[in-house]
């Protein structure tokens, strides 16, 4: 029987035809996604679900989808999909991360022009027959300084277009290396420097714990008087109320927003303010982008349903079914090793060096590399996956090298990951035991044996008496149960580390108490996806 796919949002006719041409039984109901009850009623009949942003794939929808194998999102954002519930149910979530980059970047540039020359207000005035020529005094872009927050795929395109407009471009991106910045023709700066110098500021970062409210009231107050703010990335990156106050005071000359903290945005502090341009999340709204992502998602879903090939999956590695049987535990290990270093590294990464030893050296190293790199990059971009991670790393100028060698130690195989920054190198190694469980076996050259847990505490210190007592007492006094406890040291009285596997997230005040003992050089909470 042919696989059956439901398209519950508006997708191009060409995408529907791709499914048909590939032998997929496709049911095109572009308005069904708006009716969550009806969708929950019928979703159990389908192997695949192709959507855009209107369909919300909740845990309730997934609970009614026993036959569903794949969800394909035509576009990059997957906030409308409960990915955790999908993973638990074994449903692959795919997106098309690169189909709308040009379109979104062009919209940001268009918004910058619009706010610089007050085009929407001037247009409305002229339509009203007022001819207020002297009222709309604009500014040129040529020679102005553009501050780009986030110089990844879309931000990089904006930088290129801005340089073509003869603008000076400064970029803030913790993961942008100096060499990559030079190749892009931009000046890499810290955020405060960007705020102080920029005539225009445009945001191109995902919404994460690190980027939420990145333009807070405090940071907006640091901006150059007369600056104009453009946000075509994600709502919640800018304190909208603070921005409205600074627009009213005249400190900020204008703003152009395509995204808002609450969407659909029926009310907002920015609405009806002079020289504020607002559009209803049109970043990807061009016929070319819509066509591109629709065609891509149709091809990807067809490939998976017919051959098992996985492309641009957010919750599954891109490996064949045969490889997955053997590589599954090693892929998990690769992700954990990358995640460990990624959570500890705040500086721009220059290189990632991966060593495969023993049995693992004969596996699909390309897929394992992707697992490592995705683990590292997820701290900065939660939407990154095993397919897009190497592309993102390349865009940031990160060099990835792989070495494989015959068995050289006590383990049948192991993986060692080293990250190189301007300031330091960090390394971690791990293996897979016979029970299929990944283990950390070395950190910073110090041998250990640590199980991987969802919530872990990592500390570094000088090897002195009292460390075990400080850790145990502090956790115990604050109701944090330790499931596993691993210590290691380079030599007596030398550098030492501890890795605690705890049952629940550790509150910040508990970490503060550890730091207050004065015994630890570093105290860090690490989180791992062990599902």
Protein backbone atom coordinates (compact mmCIF):
# COMPACT_ATOMS: atom_id res chain seq x y z
CA UNK A 1 0.00 0.00 0.00
CA UNK A 2 1.32 3.46 -0.91
CA UNK A 3 2.24 5.79 1.94
CA UNK A 4 -0.38 8.43 2.65
CA UNK A 5 0.48 12.10 3.31
CA UNK A 6 -1.77 14.89 4.54
CA UNK A 7 -0.99 18.49 3.58
CA UNK A 8 -2.88 20.60 6.14
CA UNK A 9 -1.54 24.06 5.16
CA UNK A 10 -1.21 26.00 1.93
CA UNK A 11 1.54 24.42 -0.18
CA UNK A 12 2.25 24.94 -3.86
CA UNK A 13 0.63 22.74 -6.49
CA UNK A 14 4.11 21.71 -7.61
CA UNK A 15 4.77 20.18 -4.19
CA UNK A 16 1.51 18.23 -4.36
CA UNK A 17 2.54 16.96 -7.77
CA UNK A 18 5.92 15.77 -6.44
CA UNK A 19 4.16 13.52 -3.95
CA UNK A 20 1.92 12.13 -6.70
CA UNK A 21 4.81 11.59 -9.11
CA UNK A 22 6.72 9.67 -6.43
CA UNK A 23 3.78 7.34 -5.85
CA UNK A 24 2.61 8.91 -2.58
CA UNK A 25 -1.13 9.01 -1.84
CA UNK A 26 -1.51 12.72 -1.03
CA UNK A 27 -4.51 14.43 0.57
CA UNK A 28 -4.37 18.22 0.06
CA UNK A 29 -6.56 20.04 2.63
CA UNK A 30 -4.90 23.47 3.00
CA UNK A 31 -7.36 24.83 5.60
CA UNK A 32 -7.50 21.76 7.84
CA UNK A 33 -4.59 22.90 10.01
CA UNK A 34 -6.70 25.72 11.43
CA UNK A 35 -9.20 23.20 12.86
CA UNK A 36 -7.23 21.36 15.54
CA UNK A 37 -10.14 19.13 16.55
CA UNK A 38 -10.77 17.97 12.98
CA UNK A 39 -7.03 17.44 12.48
CA UNK A 40 -6.85 15.30 15.60
CA UNK A 41 -9.82 13.30 14.30
CA UNK A 42 -8.27 12.40 10.94
CA UNK A 43 -4.50 12.40 11.53
CA UNK A 44 -4.48 8.71 12.46
CA UNK A 45 -5.04 7.84 8.78
CA UNK A 46 -1.71 9.26 7.57
CA UNK A 47 1.96 8.26 7.43
CA UNK A 48 3.18 11.82 6.82
CA UNK A 49 2.06 15.36 7.62
CA UNK A 50 3.28 18.32 5.55
CA UNK A 51 2.71 21.73 7.15
CA UNK A 52 3.69 25.37 7.24
CA UNK A 53 3.08 27.62 10.26
CA UNK A 54 -0.72 27.51 10.57
CA UNK A 55 -0.89 23.89 11.74
CA UNK A 56 -0.03 23.34 15.41
CA UNK A 57 1.22 19.79 15.98
CA UNK A 58 0.57 19.35 19.69
CA UNK A 59 0.95 16.31 21.90
CA UNK A 60 -2.82 15.81 21.54
CA UNK A 61 -2.52 15.65 17.75
CA UNK A 62 0.40 13.24 18.03
CA UNK A 63 -1.49 11.05 20.51
CA UNK A 64 -4.09 10.53 17.78
CA UNK A 65 -1.49 9.64 15.13
CA UNK A 66 -0.41 6.02 15.66
CA UNK A 67 0.62 5.63 12.01
CA UNK A 68 2.46 8.93 11.61
CA UNK A 69 6.12 8.53 10.67
CA UNK A 70 7.24 11.96 9.55
CA UNK A 71 6.29 15.62 9.88
CA UNK A 72 7.68 17.94 7.22
CA UNK A 73 7.76 21.68 7.93
CA UNK A 74 8.05 23.81 4.79
CA UNK A 75 10.29 26.45 6.35
CA UNK A 76 12.84 26.68 9.14
CA UNK A 77 10.83 27.42 12.27
CA UNK A 78 9.38 24.45 14.14
CA UNK A 79 7.93 26.20 17.19
CA UNK A 80 4.50 24.95 16.10
CA UNK A 81 5.58 21.32 16.52
CA UNK A 82 5.94 19.56 19.87
CA UNK A 83 9.29 17.99 18.99
CA UNK A 84 9.70 16.24 22.32
CA UNK A 85 6.36 14.49 21.96
CA UNK A 86 7.16 13.62 18.35
CA UNK A 87 10.52 12.13 19.36
CA UNK A 88 8.97 10.04 22.11
CA UNK A 89 6.47 8.69 19.60
CA UNK A 90 9.16 7.95 17.03
CA UNK A 91 7.96 10.59 14.55
CA UNK A 92 10.69 12.28 12.54
CA UNK A 93 10.49 16.07 12.31
CA UNK A 94 12.03 17.59 9.18
CA UNK A 95 12.36 21.21 8.14
CA UNK A 96 13.85 23.12 5.19
CA UNK A 97 16.40 25.38 6.89
CA UNK A 98 17.89 27.09 3.85
CA UNK A 99 14.92 27.76 1.56
CA UNK A 100 14.06 31.26 2.74
CA UNK A 101 17.41 32.80 3.67
CA UNK A 102 17.57 35.20 0.72
CA UNK A 103 13.96 36.25 1.14
CA UNK A 104 14.30 37.04 4.85
CA UNK A 105 17.55 38.94 4.32
CA UNK A 106 16.00 41.00 1.53
CA UNK A 107 13.03 41.84 3.74
CA UNK A 108 15.38 43.17 6.42
CA UNK A 109 17.10 45.39 3.84
CA UNK A 110 13.70 46.57 2.54
CA UNK A 111 12.58 47.41 6.07
CA UNK A 112 15.79 49.35 6.61
CA UNK A 113 15.08 51.47 3.51
CA UNK A 114 11.46 51.92 4.57
CA UNK A 115 12.31 53.28 8.01
CA UNK A 116 15.23 55.37 6.74
CA UNK A 117 12.98 57.24 4.28
CA UNK A 118 9.65 56.93 6.16
CA UNK A 119 8.17 55.35 3.05
CA UNK A 120 4.95 53.86 4.55
CA UNK A 121 3.94 57.13 6.24
CA UNK A 122 4.82 59.18 3.17
CA UNK A 123 2.80 56.81 1.00
CA UNK A 124 -0.26 57.03 3.28
CA UNK A 125 0.02 60.83 3.35
CA UNK A 126 0.27 61.06 -0.43
CA UNK A 127 -2.69 58.70 -0.91
CA UNK A 128 -4.64 61.06 1.33
CA UNK A 129 -3.86 63.94 -1.04
CA UNK A 130 -1.77 65.90 1.49
CA UNK A 131 1.52 66.25 -0.44
CA UNK A 132 3.59 66.81 2.74
CA UNK A 133 6.98 66.83 1.04
CA UNK A 134 8.82 68.74 3.77
CA UNK A 135 7.47 66.49 6.55
CA UNK A 136 9.30 63.32 5.55
CA UNK A 137 12.99 64.09 5.84
CA UNK A 138 14.94 60.83 5.62
CA UNK A 139 18.53 59.70 5.92
CA UNK A 140 20.86 57.97 3.45
CA UNK A 141 22.22 54.49 4.05
CA UNK A 142 25.51 55.16 2.27
CA UNK A 143 28.30 55.73 4.76
CA UNK A 144 26.18 54.75 7.75
CA UNK A 145 27.20 52.03 10.20
CA UNK A 146 25.03 48.92 10.27
CA UNK A 147 25.22 46.78 13.41
CA UNK A 148 24.34 43.15 12.70
CA UNK A 149 23.48 41.02 15.73
CA UNK A 150 23.96 37.46 14.51
CA UNK A 151 26.15 36.93 11.44
CA UNK A 152 25.05 33.42 10.48
CA UNK A 153 23.28 32.39 7.29
CA UNK A 154 20.72 35.21 7.03
CA UNK A 155 22.81 37.76 8.90
CA UNK A 156 25.73 37.02 6.58
CA UNK A 157 23.59 37.77 3.52
CA UNK A 158 22.47 41.05 5.11
CA UNK A 159 26.13 41.95 5.73
CA UNK A 160 26.93 41.29 2.07
CA UNK A 161 24.00 43.36 0.80
CA UNK A 162 24.81 46.21 3.20
CA UNK A 163 28.39 46.36 2.02
CA UNK A 164 27.02 46.64 -1.52
CA UNK A 165 25.09 49.69 -0.32
CA UNK A 166 28.42 51.19 0.85
CA UNK A 167 27.54 50.85 4.52
CA UNK A 168 30.11 50.15 7.21
CA UNK A 169 29.21 46.84 8.87
CA UNK A 170 30.00 45.82 12.44
CA UNK A 171 28.84 42.43 13.66
CA UNK A 172 28.26 40.91 17.08
CA UNK A 173 28.25 37.13 17.09
CA UNK A 174 30.07 35.13 19.83
CA UNK A 175 30.58 32.30 17.33
CA UNK A 176 32.01 34.43 14.52
CA UNK A 177 35.77 34.02 14.22
CA UNK A 178 38.11 36.87 13.30
CA UNK A 179 39.22 35.16 10.07
CA UNK A 180 35.63 34.59 8.94
CA UNK A 181 34.76 38.20 9.78
CA UNK A 182 37.63 39.45 7.62
CA UNK A 183 36.47 37.30 4.71
CA UNK A 184 32.98 38.74 5.10
CA UNK A 185 34.37 42.27 5.10
CA UNK A 186 32.86 43.12 8.48
CA UNK A 187 34.33 44.26 11.78
CA UNK A 188 33.70 41.85 14.66
CA UNK A 189 32.82 43.74 17.84
CA UNK A 190 31.33 43.15 21.27
CA UNK A 191 27.66 44.02 21.80
CA UNK A 192 28.31 47.22 23.77
CA UNK A 193 30.60 48.50 21.01
CA UNK A 194 27.96 47.75 18.38
CA UNK A 195 25.28 49.56 20.37
CA UNK A 196 27.52 52.61 20.75
CA UNK A 197 28.50 52.88 17.07
CA UNK A 198 25.60 51.66 14.93
CA UNK A 199 23.27 54.00 13.03
CA UNK A 200 21.08 51.02 12.17
CA UNK A 201 20.81 47.74 14.11
CA UNK A 202 19.35 44.57 12.59
CA UNK A 203 18.84 41.28 14.44
CA UNK A 204 19.40 37.83 12.91
CA UNK A 205 19.59 35.38 15.80
CA UNK A 206 17.25 32.59 16.94
CA UNK A 207 15.23 33.01 20.12
CA UNK A 208 17.11 31.20 22.90
CA UNK A 209 17.78 31.70 26.59
CA UNK A 210 20.95 33.57 25.59
CA UNK A 211 19.28 35.87 23.02
CA UNK A 212 15.94 36.53 24.72
CA UNK A 213 15.59 40.28 25.31
CA UNK A 214 19.09 40.86 23.95
CA UNK A 215 18.01 44.44 23.25
CA UNK A 216 16.75 45.03 26.78
CA UNK A 217 15.85 48.42 28.18
CA UNK A 218 19.40 48.69 29.50
CA UNK A 219 20.98 47.81 26.15
CA UNK A 220 18.62 50.03 24.19
CA UNK A 221 19.71 52.87 26.46
CA UNK A 222 23.31 52.28 25.36
CA UNK A 223 22.52 52.87 21.70
CA UNK A 224 23.64 55.86 19.68
CA UNK A 225 21.08 58.69 19.62
CA UNK A 226 19.12 58.56 16.37
CA UNK A 227 19.60 54.82 15.80
CA UNK A 228 17.00 52.80 13.90
CA UNK A 229 16.18 49.20 14.93
CA UNK A 230 15.15 46.42 12.50
CA UNK A 231 13.90 43.02 13.64
CA UNK A 232 12.98 40.41 11.04
CA UNK A 233 14.27 37.47 13.11
CA UNK A 234 12.15 36.45 16.10
CA UNK A 235 9.81 38.16 18.54
CA UNK A 236 11.08 38.49 22.09
CA UNK A 237 14.58 39.64 21.13
CA UNK A 238 13.72 43.29 21.87
CA UNK A 239 11.98 44.85 24.87
CA UNK A 240 9.10 46.32 22.89
CA UNK A 241 7.81 48.57 25.70
CA UNK A 242 11.27 50.02 26.30
CA UNK A 243 11.70 50.57 22.56
CA UNK A 244 8.37 52.40 22.41
CA UNK A 245 9.44 54.69 25.29
CA UNK A 246 12.75 55.53 23.58
CA UNK A 247 10.98 56.18 20.29
CA UNK A 248 8.65 58.61 22.05
CA UNK A 249 11.58 60.35 23.76
CA UNK A 250 13.39 60.74 20.44
CA UNK A 251 16.49 58.79 21.46
CA UNK A 252 15.65 56.13 18.87
CA UNK A 253 14.69 57.61 15.50
CA UNK A 254 12.74 54.69 14.07
CA UNK A 255 12.03 50.98 14.07
CA UNK A 256 10.94 48.36 11.57
CA UNK A 257 9.50 45.11 12.92
CA UNK A 258 8.30 42.01 11.07
CA UNK A 259 8.10 39.84 14.21
CA UNK A 260 6.60 40.42 17.63
CA UNK A 261 6.66 38.90 21.09
CA UNK A 262 3.00 37.91 20.78
CA UNK A 263 1.70 36.78 17.39
CA UNK A 264 -0.70 37.30 15.75
CA UNK A 265 0.01 40.85 16.95
CA UNK A 266 -3.35 42.55 17.31
CA UNK A 267 -2.03 45.00 19.93
CA UNK A 268 1.54 46.12 20.53
CA UNK A 269 3.34 49.08 22.17
CA UNK A 270 4.95 49.87 18.81
CA UNK A 271 1.71 50.21 16.88
CA UNK A 272 0.70 53.68 15.69
CA UNK A 273 3.97 55.32 16.71
CA UNK A 274 5.56 57.70 14.18
CA UNK A 275 8.29 56.23 11.99
CA UNK A 276 7.61 52.65 13.04
CA UNK A 277 7.15 50.23 10.14
CA UNK A 278 5.30 47.00 10.97
CA UNK A 279 4.63 43.97 8.77
CA UNK A 280 2.83 40.71 9.68
CA UNK A 281 5.76 38.26 9.73
CA UNK A 282 6.48 38.51 6.00
CA UNK A 283 10.15 37.52 6.14
CA UNK A 284 9.62 34.35 4.11
CA UNK A 285 6.62 35.61 2.16
CA UNK A 286 7.81 35.59 -1.44
CA UNK A 287 6.65 33.29 -4.19
CA UNK A 288 10.22 32.03 -4.67
CA UNK A 289 10.73 31.15 -1.02
CA UNK A 290 7.32 29.52 -0.69
CA UNK A 291 8.00 27.44 -3.77
CA UNK A 292 11.50 26.46 -2.68
CA UNK A 293 10.57 25.23 0.79
CA UNK A 294 7.44 23.46 -0.49
CA UNK A 295 9.37 21.53 -3.13
CA UNK A 296 12.13 20.66 -0.66
CA UNK A 297 9.79 19.31 1.98
CA UNK A 298 7.90 17.20 -0.58
CA UNK A 299 11.14 15.63 -1.85
CA UNK A 300 12.48 15.00 1.67
CA UNK A 301 9.28 13.38 2.92
CA UNK A 302 8.97 11.23 -0.20
CA UNK A 303 12.57 10.06 0.15
CA UNK A 304 12.01 9.01 3.73
CA UNK A 305 8.67 7.28 3.21
CA UNK A 306 9.88 5.38 0.13
CA UNK A 307 13.56 4.68 0.84
CA UNK A 308 14.16 5.49 4.51
CA UNK A 309 16.60 8.28 3.65
CA UNK A 310 16.55 11.09 6.23
CA UNK A 311 17.35 14.70 5.32
CA UNK A 312 17.19 17.83 7.52
CA UNK A 313 15.78 15.90 10.45
CA UNK A 314 15.71 17.76 13.77
CA UNK A 315 15.30 14.72 15.95
CA UNK A 316 17.00 11.88 14.08
CA UNK A 317 20.48 11.36 12.61
CA UNK A 318 20.88 11.18 8.85
CA UNK A 319 21.93 7.54 8.56
CA UNK A 320 20.53 4.48 6.87
CA UNK A 321 18.41 1.98 8.76
CA UNK A 322 21.24 -0.59 8.62
CA UNK A 323 23.77 1.84 10.04
CA UNK A 324 21.43 2.99 12.78
CA UNK A 325 21.35 -0.48 14.37
CA UNK A 326 25.09 -0.39 15.00
CA UNK A 327 25.73 3.34 15.23
CA UNK A 328 22.81 4.39 17.42
CA UNK A 329 24.69 4.37 20.76
CA UNK A 330 27.77 5.95 19.17
CA UNK A 331 25.65 8.70 17.64
CA UNK A 332 24.26 9.44 21.09
CA UNK A 333 27.79 9.54 22.47
CA UNK A 334 28.89 11.92 19.70
CA UNK A 335 26.06 14.29 20.56
CA UNK A 336 26.84 14.15 24.28
CA UNK A 337 30.53 14.89 23.73
CA UNK A 338 29.69 17.84 21.52
CA UNK A 339 27.06 19.10 23.94
CA UNK A 340 29.52 18.90 26.85
CA UNK A 341 32.07 21.12 25.14
CA UNK A 342 29.44 23.38 23.60
CA UNK A 343 27.97 24.19 27.01
CA UNK A 344 31.43 25.09 28.35
CA UNK A 345 32.62 27.20 25.40
CA UNK A 346 31.68 30.87 25.19
CA UNK A 347 34.42 32.07 22.82
CA UNK A 348 34.37 31.82 19.01
CA UNK A 349 35.43 28.33 17.92
CA UNK A 350 38.25 28.12 15.38
CA UNK A 351 38.45 24.34 14.95
CA UNK A 352 36.84 21.07 15.99
CA UNK A 353 39.15 18.04 15.94
CA UNK A 354 37.58 14.59 16.28
CA UNK A 355 39.56 11.37 16.90
CA UNK A 356 37.97 7.94 16.34
CA UNK A 357 39.76 4.94 17.81
CA UNK A 358 39.12 1.22 17.40
CA UNK A 359 35.76 -0.20 16.31
CA UNK A 360 34.14 3.20 15.85
CA UNK A 361 36.77 4.23 13.29
CA UNK A 362 35.15 1.92 10.71
CA UNK A 363 31.67 3.45 11.06
CA UNK A 364 29.98 6.27 9.15
CA UNK A 365 32.28 9.01 10.40
CA UNK A 366 30.50 11.71 8.42
CA UNK A 367 27.31 11.07 10.39
CA UNK A 368 29.22 10.87 13.67
CA UNK A 369 30.97 14.15 12.85
CA UNK A 370 27.56 15.72 12.29
CA UNK A 371 26.44 14.44 15.68
CA UNK A 372 29.45 16.02 17.40
CA UNK A 373 29.12 19.34 15.58
CA UNK A 374 25.36 19.50 16.13
CA UNK A 375 25.92 18.91 19.85
CA UNK A 376 28.38 21.80 19.98
CA UNK A 377 26.29 24.21 17.91
CA UNK A 378 22.98 23.59 19.68
CA UNK A 379 23.96 25.89 22.52
CA UNK A 380 23.92 28.85 20.13
CA UNK A 381 21.17 27.60 17.81
CA UNK A 382 18.66 25.07 19.16
CA UNK A 383 17.19 24.58 15.67
CA UNK A 384 20.44 23.20 14.26
CA UNK A 385 20.40 19.55 13.18
CA UNK A 386 22.85 16.94 11.98
CA UNK A 387 22.48 18.07 8.38
CA UNK A 388 22.63 21.83 8.89
CA UNK A 389 25.26 21.85 11.67
CA UNK A 390 28.31 21.38 9.39
CA UNK A 391 26.98 24.08 7.07
CA UNK A 392 26.54 26.47 9.99
CA UNK A 393 30.06 25.62 11.20
CA UNK A 394 31.47 26.29 7.75
CA UNK A 395 29.64 29.62 7.56
CA UNK A 396 31.29 30.58 10.84
CA UNK A 397 34.73 29.64 9.53
CA UNK A 398 35.13 26.65 11.84
CA UNK A 399 37.55 24.01 10.56
CA UNK A 400 36.54 20.41 11.23
CA UNK A 401 39.17 17.67 11.10
CA UNK A 402 38.81 13.94 11.57
CA UNK A 403 41.39 11.31 12.52
CA UNK A 404 40.73 7.59 12.74
CA UNK A 405 43.12 4.99 14.10
CA UNK A 406 43.32 1.34 15.10
CA UNK A 407 42.61 0.30 18.69
CA UNK A 408 45.22 1.94 20.90
CA UNK A 409 44.07 1.48 24.49
CA UNK A 410 41.93 -0.40 26.97
CA UNK A 411 38.67 0.30 25.17
CA UNK A 412 37.40 -1.43 22.04
CA UNK A 413 36.70 2.00 20.68
CA UNK A 414 36.38 5.59 21.79
CA UNK A 415 35.77 9.11 20.46
CA UNK A 416 37.77 12.17 21.52
CA UNK A 417 36.62 15.70 20.70
CA UNK A 418 38.87 18.75 20.95
CA UNK A 419 37.62 22.31 20.42
CA UNK A 420 40.12 25.07 19.65
CA UNK A 421 39.45 28.76 20.36
CA UNK A 422 41.71 31.81 20.40
CA UNK A 423 42.31 31.34 24.13
CA UNK A 424 42.37 27.60 24.79
CA UNK A 425 41.74 24.00 23.79
CA UNK A 426 39.13 21.81 25.45
CA UNK A 427 38.89 18.07 25.04
CA UNK A 428 36.63 15.24 26.15
CA UNK A 429 36.55 11.55 25.29
CA UNK A 430 33.91 8.90 25.61
CA UNK A 431 33.05 5.32 24.76
CA UNK A 432 30.07 2.98 24.57
CA UNK A 433 30.02 0.09 27.01
CA UNK A 434 28.68 -3.36 26.19
CA UNK A 435 25.29 -2.39 27.63
CA UNK A 436 24.99 0.25 24.89
CA UNK A 437 25.27 3.18 27.30
CA UNK A 438 27.60 6.10 26.49
CA UNK A 439 30.24 7.01 29.09
CA UNK A 440 32.62 9.93 29.57
CA UNK A 441 36.14 8.52 30.03
CA UNK A 442 38.40 11.56 29.88
CA UNK A 443 38.05 15.32 30.42
CA UNK A 444 40.96 17.74 29.87
CA UNK A 445 43.28 14.75 29.71
CA UNK A 446 42.13 13.49 33.13
CA UNK A 447 40.82 9.91 33.13
CA UNK A 448 37.35 9.35 34.60
CA UNK A 449 34.43 6.93 34.29
CA UNK A 450 31.14 8.81 34.29
CA UNK A 451 27.63 7.86 33.25
CA UNK A 452 25.79 10.50 31.20
CA UNK A 453 22.76 11.96 32.98
CA UNK A 454 20.13 14.51 32.04
CA UNK A 455 21.32 16.90 34.76
CA UNK A 456 24.99 17.11 35.69
CA UNK A 457 27.28 19.43 37.66
CA UNK A 458 30.88 19.89 36.49
CA UNK A 459 33.54 21.44 38.73
CA UNK A 460 37.27 22.08 38.47
CA UNK A 461 39.56 22.66 41.42
CA UNK A 462 42.99 22.12 42.90
CA UNK A 463 43.38 18.63 44.36
CA UNK A 464 43.00 19.46 48.05
CA UNK A 465 41.10 17.84 50.95
CA UNK A 466 37.48 18.81 51.46
CA UNK A 467 36.19 18.73 47.88
CA UNK A 468 34.02 15.64 48.28
CA UNK A 469 32.63 16.95 51.54
CA UNK A 470 31.83 20.37 50.06
CA UNK A 471 30.02 18.86 47.11
CA UNK A 472 28.11 16.25 49.11
CA UNK A 473 27.17 18.54 51.97
CA UNK A 474 26.05 21.40 49.74
CA UNK A 475 23.89 19.16 47.60
CA UNK A 476 22.47 17.28 50.58
CA UNK A 477 21.67 20.41 52.59
CA UNK A 478 19.73 21.78 49.63
CA UNK A 479 17.77 18.64 48.79
CA UNK A 480 19.64 17.74 45.59
CA UNK A 481 20.06 13.98 45.27
CA UNK A 482 23.30 12.72 43.68
CA UNK A 483 22.75 9.68 41.46
CA UNK A 484 26.43 9.25 40.55
CA UNK A 485 29.66 10.94 41.54
CA UNK A 486 32.95 10.84 39.60
CA UNK A 487 36.30 12.39 40.50
CA UNK A 488 39.56 12.63 38.57
CA UNK A 489 42.90 14.41 38.87
CA UNK A 490 46.01 14.99 36.81
CA UNK A 491 48.34 14.28 39.74
CA UNK A 492 48.42 14.56 43.53
CA UNK A 493 47.77 18.21 44.45
CA UNK A 494 47.36 19.01 40.74
CA UNK A 495 44.32 19.93 38.69
CA UNK A 496 41.17 17.96 39.57
CA UNK A 497 37.64 17.66 38.29
CA UNK A 498 34.33 16.35 39.57
CA UNK A 499 31.28 15.30 37.59
CA UNK A 500 28.01 14.80 39.45
CA UNK A 501 24.94 13.13 37.96
CA UNK A 502 21.96 14.52 39.89
CA UNK A 503 18.27 13.66 39.81
CA UNK A 504 16.91 17.12 39.02
CA UNK A 505 18.08 20.53 37.79
CA UNK A 506 20.29 22.32 40.32
CA UNK A 507 18.95 25.73 41.39
CA UNK A 508 21.28 28.71 40.92
CA UNK A 509 21.49 29.44 44.70
CA UNK A 510 23.00 25.98 45.24
CA UNK A 511 25.70 26.72 42.68
CA UNK A 512 26.36 30.04 44.39
CA UNK A 513 26.92 28.23 47.68
CA UNK A 514 29.48 25.95 46.01
CA UNK A 515 31.28 28.98 44.61
CA UNK A 516 31.24 30.67 48.01
CA UNK A 517 33.34 27.86 49.49
CA UNK A 518 36.31 29.19 47.50
CA UNK A 519 37.35 25.64 46.65
CA UNK A 520 36.29 25.61 43.00
CA UNK A 521 37.75 27.32 39.96
CA UNK A 522 34.69 26.53 37.87
CA UNK A 523 31.15 25.36 38.64
CA UNK A 524 28.88 24.60 35.71
CA UNK A 525 25.48 22.94 35.27
CA UNK A 526 25.25 20.75 32.18
CA UNK A 527 22.07 19.41 30.60
CA UNK A 528 21.94 16.41 28.25
CA UNK A 529 19.18 14.89 26.14
CA UNK A 530 19.28 11.27 27.26
CA UNK A 531 15.85 10.29 25.92
